Protein backbone atom coordinates (compact mmCIF):
# COMPACT_ATOMS: atom_id res chain seq x y z
CA MET A 1 17.11 -179.97 136.09
CA SER A 2 16.66 -178.13 132.90
CA ALA A 3 17.15 -174.50 132.34
CA ASN A 4 14.57 -172.37 130.56
CA PRO A 5 16.14 -170.56 127.75
CA ILE A 6 15.19 -166.90 127.67
CA SER A 7 13.21 -166.23 124.55
CA PRO A 8 13.70 -162.88 122.92
CA ARG A 9 10.71 -160.62 123.25
CA ARG A 10 8.94 -159.95 120.00
CA GLN A 11 8.26 -156.27 119.38
CA ARG A 12 4.96 -155.19 117.91
CA GLY A 13 4.41 -152.29 115.48
CA PHE A 14 5.86 -151.05 112.24
CA THR A 15 9.43 -150.49 111.36
CA LEU A 16 10.43 -147.15 109.95
CA ILE A 17 10.90 -148.66 106.49
CA GLU A 18 7.39 -150.17 106.51
CA LEU A 19 5.88 -146.86 107.60
CA MET A 20 7.75 -144.88 104.91
CA THR A 21 6.71 -147.36 102.20
CA THR A 22 3.05 -147.12 103.22
CA LEU A 23 3.19 -143.32 103.23
CA ALA A 24 4.85 -143.24 99.78
CA VAL A 25 2.13 -145.47 98.31
CA GLY A 26 -0.54 -143.27 99.91
CA VAL A 27 1.00 -140.10 98.45
CA VAL A 28 1.06 -141.63 94.96
CA ILE A 29 -2.60 -142.66 95.21
CA VAL A 30 -3.65 -139.19 96.42
CA GLY A 31 -1.58 -137.64 93.63
CA PHE A 32 -3.70 -139.48 91.06
CA ALA A 33 -7.00 -138.80 92.82
CA VAL A 34 -6.77 -135.01 93.33
CA PRO A 35 -6.67 -133.95 89.64
CA SER A 36 -9.49 -136.37 88.82
CA MET A 37 -11.54 -135.05 91.72
CA SER A 38 -11.14 -131.40 90.67
CA THR A 39 -12.25 -132.26 87.12
CA PHE A 40 -15.19 -134.19 88.54
CA VAL A 41 -16.25 -131.25 90.73
CA LYS A 42 -15.95 -128.82 87.80
CA ASN A 43 -18.08 -131.03 85.57
CA GLN A 44 -20.67 -131.47 88.31
CA ARG A 45 -21.00 -127.69 88.74
CA LEU A 46 -21.52 -127.30 85.01
CA MET A 47 -24.07 -130.12 84.89
CA THR A 48 -25.94 -128.58 87.82
CA ALA A 49 -26.30 -125.25 85.99
CA ALA A 50 -27.55 -126.89 82.78
CA ASP A 51 -29.87 -129.28 84.63
CA SER A 52 -31.32 -126.41 86.65
CA LEU A 53 -32.34 -124.59 83.47
CA ASN A 54 -33.69 -127.80 81.96
CA VAL A 55 -35.84 -128.37 85.07
CA ALA A 56 -37.18 -124.80 84.84
CA LEU A 57 -38.06 -125.30 81.16
CA SER A 58 -39.77 -128.63 81.80
CA LYS A 59 -41.72 -127.17 84.72
CA ALA A 60 -42.84 -124.18 82.61
CA ARG A 61 -44.00 -126.40 79.74
CA THR A 62 -45.94 -128.68 82.08
CA ILE A 63 -47.63 -125.81 83.89
CA ALA A 64 -48.50 -124.08 80.59
CA ALA A 65 -50.25 -127.19 79.32
CA SER A 66 -51.99 -128.00 82.60
CA SER A 67 -53.19 -124.45 83.31
CA ASN A 68 -54.04 -123.61 79.69
CA SER A 69 -52.00 -120.39 79.84
CA TYR A 70 -48.69 -118.89 78.74
CA VAL A 71 -45.71 -119.65 80.98
CA THR A 72 -42.32 -118.05 80.41
CA VAL A 73 -38.75 -118.78 81.47
CA ALA A 74 -36.76 -115.56 81.27
CA PRO A 75 -33.38 -114.42 82.56
CA ILE A 76 -33.41 -112.03 85.49
CA ASP A 77 -32.63 -108.51 84.28
CA GLY A 78 -32.02 -109.88 80.77
CA ASP A 79 -28.88 -111.83 81.76
CA TRP A 80 -28.90 -115.62 82.29
CA LYS A 81 -25.94 -115.24 84.68
CA ASN A 82 -28.32 -113.52 87.14
CA GLY A 83 -30.53 -116.61 87.25
CA TRP A 84 -33.98 -117.07 85.72
CA ARG A 85 -37.63 -116.83 86.57
CA VAL A 86 -40.55 -119.04 85.67
CA PHE A 87 -43.79 -117.10 85.59
CA ASN A 88 -47.31 -117.32 84.26
CA GLU A 89 -48.06 -114.44 81.89
CA HIS A 90 -51.80 -115.19 81.58
CA ALA A 91 -51.89 -113.35 78.22
CA ALA A 92 -49.68 -113.02 75.17
CA PRO A 93 -46.07 -113.50 76.32
CA ASN A 94 -43.62 -110.62 76.27
CA GLY A 95 -40.85 -112.18 78.35
CA GLN A 96 -41.02 -109.49 81.04
CA TYR A 97 -42.07 -110.35 84.57
CA GLU A 98 -44.58 -107.78 85.79
CA ALA A 99 -45.56 -108.41 89.40
CA ALA A 100 -48.94 -106.71 88.97
CA ASN A 101 -50.04 -108.94 86.07
CA ASP A 102 -47.95 -112.12 86.19
CA THR A 103 -47.82 -115.00 88.66
CA LEU A 104 -44.31 -115.92 89.79
CA ILE A 105 -43.83 -119.69 89.86
CA ALA A 106 -40.12 -120.11 90.63
CA VAL A 107 -36.85 -118.19 90.80
CA TYR A 108 -33.51 -119.91 90.15
CA ASP A 109 -30.14 -118.83 91.56
CA GLN A 110 -27.51 -116.99 89.60
CA LEU A 111 -24.75 -118.89 87.83
CA PRO A 112 -21.36 -119.21 89.51
CA SER A 113 -19.02 -116.45 88.35
CA ASP A 114 -16.71 -118.83 86.47
CA ILE A 115 -19.48 -120.32 84.31
CA SER A 116 -20.17 -118.44 81.09
CA TYR A 117 -22.94 -118.93 78.57
CA GLU A 118 -23.86 -118.37 74.96
CA TYR A 119 -27.29 -118.65 73.43
CA ASP A 120 -29.16 -118.52 70.18
CA ALA A 121 -32.89 -118.40 69.55
CA THR A 122 -34.77 -118.62 66.28
CA ASN A 123 -36.76 -115.53 67.20
CA GLY A 124 -33.76 -113.55 68.48
CA LEU A 125 -35.34 -113.18 71.92
CA GLY A 126 -33.63 -114.05 75.17
CA TYR A 127 -36.49 -115.95 76.78
CA VAL A 128 -38.67 -119.01 76.18
CA SER A 129 -42.47 -118.92 76.42
CA PHE A 130 -44.72 -121.95 76.29
CA SER A 131 -48.20 -121.85 74.80
CA PRO A 132 -51.24 -123.44 76.43
CA VAL A 133 -50.53 -126.62 74.45
CA GLY A 134 -46.87 -126.73 75.54
CA TYR A 135 -45.16 -125.47 72.36
CA SER A 136 -42.33 -122.97 72.68
CA GLN A 137 -43.31 -119.76 70.96
CA SER A 138 -42.71 -116.05 70.73
CA ALA A 139 -45.05 -113.12 71.27
CA SER A 140 -46.06 -113.29 67.60
CA LYS A 141 -47.26 -116.86 68.28
CA ALA A 142 -44.59 -118.30 65.98
CA GLN A 143 -42.88 -121.46 67.19
CA MET A 144 -39.30 -120.99 68.33
CA ALA A 145 -36.26 -123.01 69.24
CA MET A 146 -33.41 -122.04 71.54
CA ALA A 147 -30.02 -123.37 72.59
CA ILE A 148 -28.02 -122.19 75.60
CA MET A 149 -24.44 -123.36 76.04
CA PHE A 150 -22.84 -123.26 79.50
CA THR A 151 -19.03 -123.31 79.61
CA LEU A 152 -16.57 -123.84 82.44
CA GLY A 153 -12.98 -124.05 81.27
CA SER A 154 -12.93 -126.56 78.42
CA SER A 155 -16.12 -128.32 79.55
CA LYS A 156 -19.44 -127.51 77.88
CA ARG A 157 -23.09 -128.45 78.44
CA MET A 158 -25.95 -127.31 76.26
CA VAL A 159 -29.66 -127.00 76.88
CA GLU A 160 -31.77 -127.23 73.73
CA VAL A 161 -35.43 -126.32 73.37
CA SER A 162 -37.09 -127.71 70.24
CA LEU A 163 -39.87 -126.15 68.17
CA LEU A 164 -42.27 -128.46 69.99
CA GLY A 165 -41.14 -127.15 73.36
CA ARG A 166 -39.18 -130.18 74.47
CA SER A 167 -35.92 -129.46 76.25
CA ARG A 168 -32.86 -131.62 76.76
CA VAL A 169 -29.31 -131.34 78.07
CA CYS A 170 -26.43 -132.60 75.97
CA THR A 171 -22.66 -132.39 75.70
CA PRO A 172 -21.45 -130.74 72.48
CA ALA A 173 -18.68 -132.39 70.49
CA SER A 174 -19.10 -135.68 72.28
CA THR A 175 -18.86 -138.82 70.21
CA SER A 176 -22.03 -140.18 71.77
CA ASP A 177 -24.28 -137.29 70.67
CA THR A 178 -23.71 -136.14 67.10
CA TYR A 179 -26.90 -134.03 67.15
CA CYS A 180 -25.73 -131.76 69.95
CA THR A 181 -24.27 -128.84 68.03
CA MET A 182 -24.65 -125.19 68.82
CA PRO A 183 -26.39 -123.15 66.13
CA ASN A 184 -25.05 -119.73 65.22
CA ILE A 185 -24.23 -117.98 68.47
CA SER A 186 -25.85 -114.58 68.57
CA ARG A 187 -25.37 -113.53 72.19
CA ALA A 188 -22.84 -114.38 74.87
CA SER A 189 -21.78 -113.39 78.36
């Protein structure tokens, strides 16, 4: 007769040392991810503001050319922080939305309170009008260019409107875009 030796029972699960090691590695990984995530979120908010204006400008230019009329993008109450309107002026542009005479196309939300802006326009005006052929111009029918820089902390994004009415978003002082420089800043918030 042979005796069955009693085999020790194997326990399942983690030891305290294994659990503490896993938690320490997790804390280190989260420690690296949180600052990167906050920078990412900040840059995304800034890009959203600049892209929103660029979309409004592109929409206005397209509608001006397709409807053979003057379409304007102007800040609400004269301040870009309040948001902006796209409207059809039907006549010579003056940059003022008048509900009785103008057709409202779109209204864009105000900027977040921590985003500031600066702008410069060749005509000194704080709005952009597009002629029936899609050129950016002022009330005197002279072509104009404009640049609006949005800033959040040390991050910057700029929306440029060329004399031909084309708009683009760029990052100033980046090594990849040497043509993205802000002209003389005349107005700021």
